[in-house]
Protein backbone atom coordinates (compact mmCIF):
# COMPACT_ATOMS: atom_id res chain seq x y z
CA MET A 1 27.62 -46.63 -143.71
CA VAL A 2 27.15 -42.89 -144.33
CA LEU A 3 27.76 -42.21 -148.00
CA ALA A 4 27.18 -38.50 -148.33
CA ILE A 5 25.90 -35.43 -146.47
CA PHE A 6 24.39 -32.47 -148.31
CA HIS A 7 23.63 -28.97 -146.96
CA LEU A 8 20.96 -26.52 -148.07
CA ASP A 9 20.01 -23.06 -146.77
CA THR A 10 17.46 -21.78 -149.30
CA PHE A 11 13.82 -22.60 -150.00
CA ALA A 12 12.58 -25.15 -152.57
CA THR A 13 15.90 -25.95 -154.18
CA ASN A 14 16.94 -29.01 -156.12
CA PHE A 15 19.72 -30.92 -154.38
CA GLY A 16 20.83 -32.40 -157.69
CA ASN A 17 21.96 -36.00 -157.99
CA SER A 18 23.57 -37.97 -155.17
CA ASN A 19 25.36 -41.29 -155.47
CA GLY A 20 24.85 -44.12 -153.03
CA PHE A 21 25.23 -47.84 -152.51
CA LEU A 22 22.63 -50.50 -151.85
CA TRP A 23 21.91 -50.62 -148.08
CA GLY A 24 24.15 -47.65 -147.30
CA TYR A 25 22.35 -44.53 -146.08
CA ILE A 26 22.64 -41.00 -147.45
CA GLU A 27 21.88 -37.88 -145.43
CA TRP A 28 20.79 -34.33 -146.27
CA ASP A 29 20.40 -31.36 -143.93
CA ILE A 30 18.47 -28.10 -144.17
CA SER A 31 18.92 -24.96 -142.06
CA ASN A 32 15.68 -23.54 -140.69
CA SER A 33 16.20 -20.59 -138.36
CA SER A 34 12.64 -19.24 -138.46
CA TRP A 35 10.93 -22.00 -136.48
CA SER A 36 10.08 -20.83 -132.95
CA GLY A 37 8.25 -23.81 -131.38
CA ASN A 38 9.55 -27.12 -130.08
CA PRO A 39 11.77 -28.23 -132.99
CA PHE A 40 11.01 -31.91 -132.27
CA ASP A 41 7.33 -31.27 -133.01
CA LEU A 42 7.86 -29.81 -136.48
CA VAL A 43 6.72 -32.40 -139.01
CA ALA A 44 8.38 -32.65 -142.40
CA SER A 45 8.89 -35.63 -144.67
CA ALA A 46 10.74 -36.77 -147.78
CA THR A 47 9.29 -39.21 -150.30
CA PHE A 48 11.59 -41.28 -152.52
CA THR A 49 10.40 -43.08 -155.66
CA HIS A 50 12.31 -45.71 -157.62
CA SER A 51 11.97 -44.90 -161.31
CA ALA A 52 12.08 -48.48 -162.65
CA SER A 53 9.86 -50.30 -160.15
CA GLY A 54 7.74 -47.51 -158.70
CA GLU A 55 8.71 -48.50 -155.14
CA VAL A 56 8.04 -45.62 -152.72
CA ARG A 57 9.69 -44.83 -149.39
CA THR A 58 8.51 -41.97 -147.16
CA THR A 59 10.50 -40.89 -144.11
CA GLU A 60 10.23 -37.92 -141.77
CA MET A 61 12.94 -35.35 -141.04
CA PHE A 62 14.51 -35.09 -137.59
CA TYR A 63 15.93 -32.16 -135.66
CA ASP A 64 19.69 -32.38 -135.05
CA ASP A 65 20.42 -29.17 -133.11
CA ASN A 66 21.59 -25.72 -134.27
CA ASP A 67 18.46 -24.97 -136.36
CA THR A 68 19.20 -27.99 -138.55
CA TRP A 69 16.79 -30.65 -139.77
CA LYS A 70 17.99 -33.77 -141.54
CA PHE A 71 16.54 -36.63 -143.53
CA ARG A 72 18.02 -39.91 -144.63
CA PHE A 73 17.56 -42.52 -147.31
CA THR A 74 18.74 -46.09 -147.82
CA GLY A 75 18.37 -47.62 -151.25
CA THR A 76 16.78 -51.06 -151.36
CA ARG A 77 17.12 -51.22 -155.16
CA THR A 78 19.85 -50.09 -157.52
CA GLY A 79 19.05 -47.48 -160.13
CA GLN A 80 17.58 -44.00 -160.05
CA TRP A 81 15.41 -42.66 -157.23
CA SER A 82 13.79 -39.22 -157.15
CA PHE A 83 12.62 -37.42 -154.02
CA SER A 84 10.72 -34.36 -152.83
CA THR A 85 10.08 -32.93 -149.37
CA SER A 86 6.80 -31.86 -147.83
CA SER A 87 6.03 -29.74 -144.77
CA SER A 88 3.73 -26.98 -143.55
CA ASP A 89 6.94 -25.09 -142.77
CA PRO A 90 8.07 -23.31 -145.96
CA GLU A 91 11.79 -23.76 -145.26
CA LEU A 92 11.46 -27.53 -145.24
CA ASN A 93 8.91 -27.83 -148.05
CA GLY A 94 9.36 -28.41 -151.77
CA HIS A 95 12.98 -29.52 -151.96
CA SER A 96 13.84 -32.21 -154.50
CA GLY A 97 16.64 -34.27 -155.96
CA THR A 98 17.67 -37.66 -157.25
CA VAL A 99 19.77 -40.55 -155.98
CA SER A 100 21.70 -43.04 -158.10
CA VAL A 101 22.08 -46.28 -156.16
CA SER A 102 24.78 -48.78 -157.16
CA SER A 103 25.56 -52.27 -155.91
CA ASN A 104 27.38 -52.27 -152.59
CA PRO A 105 31.11 -52.98 -153.05
CA ASN A 106 31.15 -54.78 -149.68
CA SER A 107 29.74 -58.23 -150.42
CA ASP A 108 29.19 -58.88 -146.69
CA ILE A 109 26.73 -56.00 -146.28
CA ARG A 110 23.12 -57.10 -145.96
CA GLY A 111 19.81 -55.27 -145.90
CA PHE A 112 17.10 -54.68 -143.34
CA LEU A 113 16.07 -57.30 -140.81
CA ASP A 114 12.66 -58.72 -141.61
CA ILE A 115 10.49 -61.75 -140.95
CA ASN A 116 9.31 -64.51 -143.27
CA GLY A 117 6.70 -66.70 -141.63
CA SER A 118 8.32 -68.04 -138.47
CA LYS A 119 11.86 -67.06 -139.50
CA PHE A 120 14.02 -64.00 -139.03
CA VAL A 121 15.53 -62.93 -142.35
CA ARG A 122 17.48 -60.00 -143.77
CA GLY A 123 17.72 -58.52 -147.23
CA SER A 124 20.17 -60.21 -149.57
CA GLY A 125 19.09 -58.87 -152.96
CA GLU A 126 17.40 -55.87 -154.49
CA ASN A 127 14.32 -57.73 -155.71
CA GLY A 128 13.06 -58.78 -152.31
CA GLU A 129 15.48 -61.68 -151.87
CA THR A 130 16.25 -62.54 -148.25
CA GLU A 131 18.47 -64.92 -146.32
CA GLY A 132 17.67 -66.62 -143.05
CA ILE A 133 19.36 -65.49 -139.86
CA ILE A 134 19.39 -66.97 -136.34
CA PRO A 135 19.61 -63.97 -133.98
CA ASN A 136 21.93 -64.74 -131.08
CA ILE A 137 22.28 -61.52 -129.10
CA TRP A 138 25.15 -60.62 -126.78
CA MET A 139 25.01 -58.54 -123.61
CA ASN A 140 27.70 -57.97 -121.01
CA TYR A 141 26.80 -55.92 -117.99
CA ARG A 142 30.02 -56.78 -116.17
CA THR A 143 33.04 -55.46 -118.04
CA VAL A 144 32.05 -53.48 -121.10
CA PHE A 145 29.91 -50.70 -119.67
CA VAL A 146 31.27 -49.72 -116.28
CA GLY A 147 30.44 -46.40 -114.66
CA THR A 148 30.35 -45.05 -111.13
CA SER A 149 27.47 -47.36 -110.21
CA GLY A 150 27.37 -49.69 -113.18
CA ASP A 151 28.92 -52.67 -111.43
CA ASP A 152 26.02 -53.20 -109.05
CA GLN A 153 23.24 -52.71 -111.59
CA CYS A 154 21.49 -55.62 -113.27
CA GLY A 155 19.85 -55.62 -116.65
CA TRP A 156 21.03 -52.57 -118.51
CA THR A 157 23.47 -51.34 -121.16
CA PRO A 158 23.97 -47.64 -120.41
CA VAL A 159 23.93 -45.55 -123.56
CA GLN A 160 25.59 -42.62 -121.79
CA TYR A 161 28.91 -44.48 -121.90
CA LEU A 162 28.85 -44.80 -125.69
CA PRO A 163 29.60 -41.23 -126.89
CA GLY A 164 33.31 -40.92 -127.55
CA ASN A 165 33.90 -44.61 -126.87
CA SER A 166 33.97 -46.18 -130.30
CA SER A 167 36.80 -48.49 -129.25
CA ARG A 168 34.69 -49.77 -126.36
CA TRP A 169 31.82 -50.51 -128.73
CA GLY A 170 34.20 -52.21 -131.16
CA SER A 171 35.46 -54.36 -128.30
CA PHE A 172 31.87 -55.23 -127.44
CA LEU A 173 31.21 -56.37 -131.02
CA ASP A 174 34.42 -58.41 -131.02
CA GLN A 175 33.36 -60.05 -127.77
CA ALA A 176 29.92 -60.87 -129.20
CA TRP A 177 31.39 -62.48 -132.31
CA GLU A 178 33.86 -64.58 -130.33
CA HIS A 179 30.90 -65.87 -128.29
CA GLY A 180 28.92 -66.92 -131.34
CA CYS A 181 26.58 -63.93 -131.37
CA ASN A 182 25.67 -61.96 -134.50
CA GLY A 183 23.76 -59.29 -132.60
CA VAL A 184 24.24 -57.08 -129.55
CA GLN A 185 21.78 -55.55 -127.13
CA LEU A 186 21.23 -51.92 -126.18
CA LEU A 187 18.80 -51.00 -123.43
CA PRO A 188 18.66 -47.21 -123.83
CA GLN A 189 15.57 -46.51 -121.63
CA ARG A 190 15.39 -42.90 -120.44
CA ASP A 191 18.85 -42.16 -121.83
CA MET A 192 16.96 -41.58 -125.09
CA MET A 193 15.37 -38.50 -123.50
CA ASP A 194 16.58 -35.19 -122.16
CA MET A 195 15.28 -35.61 -118.64
CA SER A 196 16.35 -32.08 -117.67
CA THR A 197 13.40 -30.59 -119.60
CA SER A 198 9.71 -30.94 -118.78
CA GLU A 199 8.95 -31.95 -122.37
CA HIS A 200 11.38 -34.89 -122.22
CA ASN A 201 12.63 -34.26 -125.74
CA PRO A 202 14.89 -36.78 -127.49
CA ASN A 203 18.51 -36.65 -126.30
CA ILE A 204 20.44 -35.79 -129.47
CA THR A 205 23.87 -36.69 -128.07
CA ASN A 206 22.78 -40.17 -127.09
CA PHE A 207 20.92 -40.73 -130.35
CA ARG A 208 24.13 -39.96 -132.21
CA ALA A 209 25.80 -42.66 -130.13
CA ILE A 210 22.99 -45.16 -130.78
CA GLU A 211 23.07 -44.59 -134.54
CA GLN A 212 26.85 -44.95 -134.62
CA ALA A 213 26.53 -48.21 -132.69
CA ILE A 214 23.96 -49.52 -135.19
CA THR A 215 26.01 -48.44 -138.21
CA THR A 216 29.21 -50.00 -136.87
CA ALA A 217 27.43 -53.29 -136.18
CA HIS A 218 25.76 -53.31 -139.61
CA ASN A 219 29.10 -52.75 -141.34
CA ARG A 220 30.26 -55.97 -139.65
CA ALA A 221 27.18 -57.89 -140.89
CA MET A 222 25.86 -57.77 -137.30
CA PHE A 223 22.79 -56.09 -135.82
CA VAL A 224 21.51 -54.31 -132.71
CA GLN A 225 18.51 -55.31 -130.64
CA LEU A 226 17.02 -52.16 -129.11
CA PHE A 227 15.48 -53.34 -125.84
CA PHE A 228 13.86 -49.97 -125.22
CA TRP A 229 12.47 -49.93 -121.69
CA GLY A 230 12.72 -51.66 -118.32
CA ASP A 231 10.67 -51.85 -115.17
CA ALA A 232 8.71 -49.06 -113.50
CA ALA A 233 10.15 -49.82 -110.06
CA ARG A 234 13.51 -48.40 -111.14
CA SER A 235 11.99 -45.69 -113.37
CA TRP A 236 13.23 -47.36 -116.53
CA ASN A 237 9.84 -46.93 -118.24
CA PRO A 238 8.50 -43.92 -120.22
CA PRO A 239 8.36 -41.01 -117.74
CA ASP A 240 4.99 -39.76 -118.99
CA GLY A 241 3.54 -43.15 -119.85
CA ILE A 242 3.30 -45.18 -123.04
CA ASN A 243 1.70 -43.28 -125.96
CA SER A 244 1.96 -39.96 -124.08
CA THR A 245 2.91 -36.83 -126.02
CA SER A 246 6.59 -37.25 -125.12
CA ASP A 247 6.52 -40.98 -125.90
CA GLN A 248 4.99 -40.46 -129.35
CA ARG A 249 7.44 -37.62 -130.00
CA LEU A 250 10.30 -39.93 -129.04
CA PHE A 251 9.26 -42.72 -131.39
CA ARG A 252 8.59 -40.34 -134.25
CA TYR A 253 12.22 -39.39 -133.73
CA VAL A 254 13.31 -43.04 -133.58
CA ALA A 255 11.52 -43.67 -136.89
CA ALA A 256 12.97 -40.57 -138.58
CA ARG A 257 16.53 -40.82 -137.30
CA LEU A 258 17.07 -44.57 -137.02
CA GLY A 259 14.42 -45.92 -139.40
CA PRO A 260 16.54 -45.54 -142.57
CA LEU A 261 19.44 -47.44 -140.95
CA PRO A 262 19.59 -51.20 -141.65
CA GLY A 263 20.69 -53.56 -138.91
CA TRP A 264 18.36 -53.24 -135.93
CA TYR A 265 15.07 -54.44 -134.56
CA VAL A 266 12.85 -53.54 -131.60
CA SER A 267 11.79 -55.22 -128.38
CA LEU A 268 9.73 -52.91 -126.18
CA GLY A 269 11.50 -54.07 -123.03
CA PHE A 270 10.92 -56.05 -119.84
CA ASP A 271 8.52 -55.95 -116.89
CA LEU A 272 5.97 -54.48 -119.26
CA TYR A 273 3.10 -55.70 -117.09
CA GLU A 274 4.04 -52.95 -114.61
CA TRP A 275 3.24 -50.08 -116.96
CA ALA A 276 2.21 -51.12 -120.48
CA GLY A 277 -1.21 -52.64 -121.11
CA GLU A 278 -1.77 -54.91 -124.10
CA THR A 279 -4.03 -52.50 -126.00
CA ALA A 280 -1.68 -49.59 -125.35
CA THR A 281 1.33 -51.64 -126.45
CA GLU A 282 -0.33 -52.65 -129.69
CA ALA A 283 -1.20 -48.98 -130.32
CA TRP A 284 2.43 -48.05 -129.63
CA GLY A 285 3.61 -50.62 -132.18
CA ALA A 286 1.11 -49.43 -134.80
CA HIS A 287 2.25 -45.81 -134.29
CA LEU A 288 5.92 -46.72 -134.74
CA ILE A 289 5.24 -48.83 -137.84
CA SER A 290 3.19 -46.00 -139.39
CA LYS A 291 6.19 -43.68 -139.09
CA LEU A 292 8.86 -46.08 -140.35
CA GLY A 293 9.82 -45.77 -143.99
CA TRP A 294 11.66 -49.12 -143.77
CA TYR A 295 10.39 -52.13 -141.89
CA HIS A 296 12.00 -53.26 -138.64
CA PRO A 297 10.58 -56.23 -136.66
CA ILE A 298 8.78 -55.26 -133.45
CA GLY A 299 8.12 -57.33 -130.33
CA ALA A 300 6.91 -56.85 -126.76
CA ARG A 301 7.81 -59.48 -124.18
CA LYS A 302 5.02 -61.78 -122.97
CA GLU A 303 5.06 -61.85 -119.17
CA GLY A 304 2.42 -63.73 -117.22
CA SER A 305 -0.99 -62.56 -118.40
CA PHE A 306 0.50 -59.70 -120.44
CA SER A 307 0.62 -60.73 -124.11
CA ALA A 308 0.40 -58.07 -126.83
CA ASN A 309 -0.15 -59.08 -130.45
CA MET A 310 3.05 -58.00 -132.22
CA ASP A 311 5.16 -59.07 -135.22
CA LEU A 312 7.38 -61.23 -133.01
CA TYR A 313 6.48 -63.64 -130.27
CA SER A 314 8.78 -62.21 -127.62
CA THR A 315 8.56 -64.29 -124.47
CA ASP A 316 9.81 -64.42 -120.89
CA TYR A 317 9.47 -68.23 -120.95
CA ARG A 318 12.25 -69.52 -118.72
CA ILE A 319 13.15 -72.67 -120.59
CA SER A 320 15.45 -74.89 -118.52
CA SER A 321 15.67 -78.10 -120.59
CA ASN A 322 14.27 -79.68 -123.74
CA TRP A 323 15.68 -76.87 -125.85
CA TYR A 324 14.33 -78.37 -129.07
CA SER A 325 10.89 -79.65 -128.08
CA GLY A 326 10.27 -76.72 -125.76
CA THR A 327 10.96 -74.31 -128.60
CA LEU A 328 8.63 -76.20 -130.95
CA ASN A 329 5.93 -75.75 -128.31
CA GLU A 330 6.68 -72.03 -128.11
CA TYR A 331 6.22 -71.70 -131.88
CA THR A 332 2.77 -73.28 -131.48
CA THR A 333 1.90 -71.05 -128.51
CA GLY A 334 3.08 -67.96 -130.39
CA GLY A 335 1.07 -68.67 -133.53
CA ASN A 336 4.16 -69.65 -135.55
CA LYS A 337 5.58 -66.14 -135.43
CA PRO A 338 9.35 -65.68 -135.08
CA ILE A 339 10.35 -66.35 -131.47
CA GLU A 340 12.48 -64.09 -129.33
CA TYR A 341 13.51 -65.54 -125.98
CA SER A 342 13.96 -62.29 -124.07
CA ARG A 343 14.57 -63.69 -120.59
CA ARG A 344 18.29 -63.03 -121.19
CA PHE A 345 20.02 -66.34 -120.55
CA ALA A 346 23.12 -64.98 -118.82
CA TYR A 347 25.89 -67.40 -117.96
CA LEU A 348 24.89 -69.37 -114.82
CA ARG A 349 21.66 -67.42 -114.42
CA ASP A 350 18.71 -69.28 -112.84
CA GLY A 351 21.08 -72.16 -112.06
CA VAL A 352 20.56 -73.33 -115.65
CA TRP A 353 23.03 -71.78 -118.04
CA SER A 354 26.16 -73.87 -117.80
CA MET A 355 28.53 -74.02 -120.75
CA THR A 356 27.01 -77.33 -121.90
CA ASN A 357 23.41 -76.14 -121.61
CA THR A 358 24.26 -72.90 -123.40
CA ARG A 359 25.93 -74.68 -126.31
CA GLN A 360 23.16 -77.24 -126.68
CA ALA A 361 20.46 -74.57 -126.42
CA PHE A 362 22.14 -72.69 -129.28
CA TRP A 363 21.68 -75.81 -131.40
CA GLY A 364 18.24 -76.73 -130.09
CA PHE A 365 16.82 -73.26 -130.78
CA ALA A 366 18.32 -73.33 -134.28
CA MET A 367 17.08 -76.79 -135.21
CA ALA A 368 13.57 -76.00 -133.98
CA GLY A 369 13.33 -73.06 -136.38
CA GLY A 370 15.87 -70.35 -135.54
CA ALA A 371 14.54 -68.74 -132.36
CA ALA A 372 16.30 -65.53 -131.24
CA SER A 373 17.86 -65.49 -127.78
CA ILE A 374 20.02 -63.28 -125.55
CA TRP A 375 23.25 -64.42 -123.90
CA GLY A 376 26.17 -63.00 -121.94
CA HIS A 377 26.90 -61.84 -118.41
CA TYR A 378 25.30 -60.08 -115.50
CA PRO A 379 27.50 -58.27 -112.97
CA ASP A 380 29.10 -60.38 -110.26
CA ALA A 381 26.82 -58.78 -107.66
CA CYS A 382 23.82 -60.35 -109.40
CA ILE A 383 25.12 -63.93 -109.63
CA ALA A 384 27.41 -65.05 -106.83
CA GLY A 385 30.49 -66.93 -107.95
CA ASN A 386 30.00 -66.01 -111.59
CA PRO A 387 33.37 -66.64 -113.31
CA ALA A 388 34.92 -64.11 -115.62
CA SER A 389 33.90 -65.77 -118.86
CA TYR A 390 32.38 -68.77 -120.57
CA PRO A 391 35.08 -71.47 -120.40
CA ASN A 392 34.65 -72.54 -124.06
CA PRO A 393 33.38 -69.63 -126.15
CA GLU A 394 34.86 -71.25 -129.27
CA GLN A 395 32.00 -73.78 -129.10
CA LEU A 396 29.49 -70.96 -129.51
CA LYS A 397 31.48 -69.41 -132.34
CA THR A 398 31.44 -72.80 -134.08
CA HIS A 399 27.64 -72.57 -134.12
CA LEU A 400 27.81 -69.07 -135.67
CA LEU A 401 30.27 -70.11 -138.39
CA PHE A 402 28.42 -73.30 -139.25
CA TRP A 403 25.12 -71.53 -139.96
CA LYS A 404 26.55 -68.87 -142.24
CA ASN A 405 24.69 -69.27 -145.56
CA ARG A 406 23.16 -72.54 -144.31
CA PHE A 407 20.07 -71.36 -142.40
CA LEU A 408 17.51 -71.07 -145.20
CA SER A 409 14.18 -69.38 -144.63
CA ASP A 410 12.16 -72.28 -146.08
CA MET A 411 13.80 -74.94 -143.93
CA ALA A 412 11.50 -76.94 -141.66
CA PRO A 413 12.06 -79.74 -139.12
CA ASP A 414 11.80 -83.31 -140.44
CA ASN A 415 13.11 -85.79 -137.90
CA THR A 416 11.93 -88.77 -139.96
CA LYS A 417 15.24 -88.37 -141.77
CA THR A 418 17.49 -89.06 -138.79
CA ASP A 419 17.86 -90.48 -135.31
CA GLY A 420 18.76 -86.94 -134.16
CA TYR A 421 17.28 -83.71 -135.50
CA CYS A 422 16.91 -82.57 -139.11
CA LEU A 423 16.09 -79.35 -140.92
CA ARG A 424 15.55 -79.49 -144.66
CA THR A 425 14.21 -77.43 -147.54
CA PRO A 426 11.00 -78.52 -149.32
CA ASP A 427 12.91 -79.33 -152.52
CA HIS A 428 15.17 -81.82 -150.69
CA LYS A 429 18.29 -79.96 -151.82
CA ASN A 430 19.52 -78.76 -148.40
CA TYR A 431 19.67 -80.71 -145.15
CA VAL A 432 21.16 -80.06 -141.72
CA PHE A 433 21.41 -82.94 -139.25
CA TYR A 434 22.29 -82.62 -135.57
CA LYS A 435 22.81 -85.25 -132.88
CA GLU A 436 24.23 -85.06 -129.37
CA GLY A 437 26.52 -87.46 -127.52
CA SER A 438 26.99 -89.99 -130.29
CA SER A 439 29.58 -91.52 -132.61
CA SER A 440 27.07 -92.13 -135.41
CA VAL A 441 24.19 -90.32 -137.09
CA GLN A 442 21.41 -91.82 -139.18
CA ILE A 443 21.12 -89.79 -142.40
CA ASP A 444 18.28 -90.52 -144.81
CA LEU A 445 19.07 -88.95 -148.18
CA SER A 446 16.76 -91.16 -150.23
CA SER A 447 14.74 -88.04 -151.20
CA PHE A 448 17.78 -85.79 -151.76
CA SER A 449 17.77 -84.09 -155.15
CA GLY A 450 21.04 -83.17 -156.82
CA THR A 451 24.77 -83.83 -156.67
CA LEU A 452 25.55 -83.76 -152.98
CA GLN A 453 28.30 -82.13 -150.96
CA ALA A 454 28.53 -82.81 -147.24
CA ILE A 455 30.54 -81.58 -144.28
CA ALA A 456 30.47 -82.49 -140.60
CA ILE A 457 31.62 -80.49 -137.58
CA ASP A 458 32.29 -81.37 -133.98
CA CYS A 459 30.10 -78.89 -132.05
CA LYS A 460 32.32 -79.13 -128.97
CA SER A 461 35.43 -77.94 -130.81
CA ALA A 462 36.65 -74.85 -132.59
CA TYR A 463 35.16 -74.69 -136.05
CA SER A 464 36.67 -77.22 -138.42
CA GLU A 465 34.92 -78.84 -141.37
CA ILE A 466 35.30 -82.52 -142.15
CA ASN A 467 34.49 -83.29 -145.77
CA ILE A 468 32.29 -86.39 -145.70
CA THR A 469 30.93 -86.16 -149.26
CA ALA A 470 32.50 -89.47 -150.26
CA GLN A 471 31.02 -91.21 -147.21
CA LEU A 472 27.39 -90.43 -148.07
CA SER A 473 25.05 -91.54 -150.81
CA GLN A 474 21.42 -90.95 -151.68
CA TYR A 475 20.23 -93.71 -149.39
CA ASN A 476 19.11 -94.10 -145.81
CA GLN A 477 22.45 -94.73 -144.10
CA THR A 478 24.39 -94.42 -140.86
CA TRP A 479 27.39 -92.12 -140.80
CA SER A 480 30.18 -93.13 -138.43
CA ALA A 481 31.86 -90.19 -136.72
CA PRO A 482 35.58 -90.09 -135.82
CA HIS A 483 34.66 -90.07 -132.12
CA SER A 484 31.70 -89.50 -129.81
CA SER A 485 30.55 -85.87 -129.56
CA ASP A 486 27.74 -83.52 -130.57
CA TRP A 487 27.71 -83.49 -134.39
CA ALA A 488 26.23 -81.19 -137.03
CA ILE A 489 26.16 -82.21 -140.68
CA SER A 490 25.30 -80.13 -143.72
CA VAL A 491 24.28 -81.84 -146.95
CA THR A 492 23.62 -79.60 -149.92
CA VAL A 493 23.68 -79.43 -153.70
CA ILE A 494 27.12 -78.53 -155.04
CA ASP A 495 27.21 -74.87 -156.04
CA ARG A 496 28.21 -73.98 -159.58
CA SER A 497 29.85 -70.79 -160.80
CA PRO A 498 27.40 -68.17 -162.08
CA GLY A 499 26.57 -68.66 -165.73
CA THR A 500 27.55 -72.31 -165.89
CA SER A 501 25.21 -75.24 -166.26
CA PRO A 502 25.05 -77.73 -163.41
CA ILE A 503 26.28 -81.25 -164.00
CA PRO A 504 23.15 -83.34 -164.43
CA PHE A 505 22.51 -86.01 -161.87
CA ILE A 506 21.55 -89.31 -163.50
CA PRO A 507 20.21 -91.77 -160.95
CA ILE A 508 21.50 -95.33 -161.33
CA GLN A 509 19.73 -98.03 -159.39
CA ILE A 510 22.37 -100.22 -157.77
CA PRO A 511 21.28 -103.05 -155.48
CA GLN A 512 22.04 -102.10 -151.90
CA HIS A 513 24.18 -105.22 -151.17
CA ILE A 514 26.43 -104.47 -154.18
CA TYR A 515 26.70 -100.78 -153.20
CA ASP A 516 27.69 -101.75 -149.67
CA GLN A 517 30.35 -104.13 -150.98
CA TYR A 518 32.20 -101.41 -152.89
CA PHE A 519 31.28 -98.40 -150.79
CA PRO A 520 31.24 -99.63 -147.18
CA ARG A 521 29.61 -97.24 -144.72
């Protein structure tokens, strides 16, 4: 969400005060006609300081054509921020101003993606509060991005088709949401660069399209996974090599132009073993992080013996069954970092991804800890007989709707509480139970703390909550479902309106046989 744009053509001037919203970016631009070198190599920065907390954010400027440099800011706290610019170039040095950040009027807007232990999270409050998120990422290389040769290409999302196609991108986001995905994938590769020049400068036109794609997704409470590069065999890797002059210039630009925008994270790409060594990849990640004024998670896909130490455990592991236990093993292998399955589990790919396996993997990955994964379609030429669409996308959307506000970053597996799978918080105030192919679920709430509220959903149907609060008690019990299916159950403390005191829970010990007589299960 762009809140304001300010122009300046004189040296060392105060921009005055600007007004912004929490997690909505503001932009300033400065004309600089005297610079004669490569404009992408001119370094200038802006440092923002929050008056109340002392929090500091430093971000570089970026060149945006026509002798214009810009810089951006996104407030992570409400209140007053002050800023000043710094550069060896006098036209970009010494400017100052203030920003007054207010609460965002859109209650659905969230902050930057982040990690908390083994979980993906995103900002939900101005004092460092976060909420858990399960990243399910949508791609569609069949129908959304179609060019002269796009139909027979596998594994890409061409950025060159984005400029001037906002409706196409909106359709892509709609399609993702209807398939239970809260994120979408872009694989920009060399489209990020102007390949017509020997310096391989950033491609401004395509960066404008990328930033618009990110902003549009963020305004829908969605995000973009930037899957930067592909394999060397098809020249989808950095043309001058990782950490080359052009590569470092490119990612300085990524940090300056995209860094202040919430709603994206980074995966270096695929087939990295062909061109990116582990040490070089780790140096690439450190360089990008050093330039970012706002944190964005960074991963690089593990492939065979290639395994760089990054923020995320991004893996090419081709899981084909045991979605839950296999994912628990991956958390152990990855050192309990957040997991990103970056194989791209396209519908019917590898002879594995049927509708049933896809739906159950959604749930298995979630119950094991919230692993990220990539779904969607490859072109028909890549998978023979691939039908036009998932037959039951509403089942995947049910998963998305169920987890809204229910995936908490301190949840951990505890299957002693059920004959299926269980996630719960350490304080025993929030539980999620999941069981497949059954008409009953064992639910042990003997440690639950608070006045409970419970709902159940049929995971094979369109989202519909069944209120089962009256059927459960703070005992170890068996819940009888209306019919046999895959079931998810949420048990949580009843929310109270802000400013009101909760109704105290007073435990009364009733003999089990008397309880069962009056409250049959």
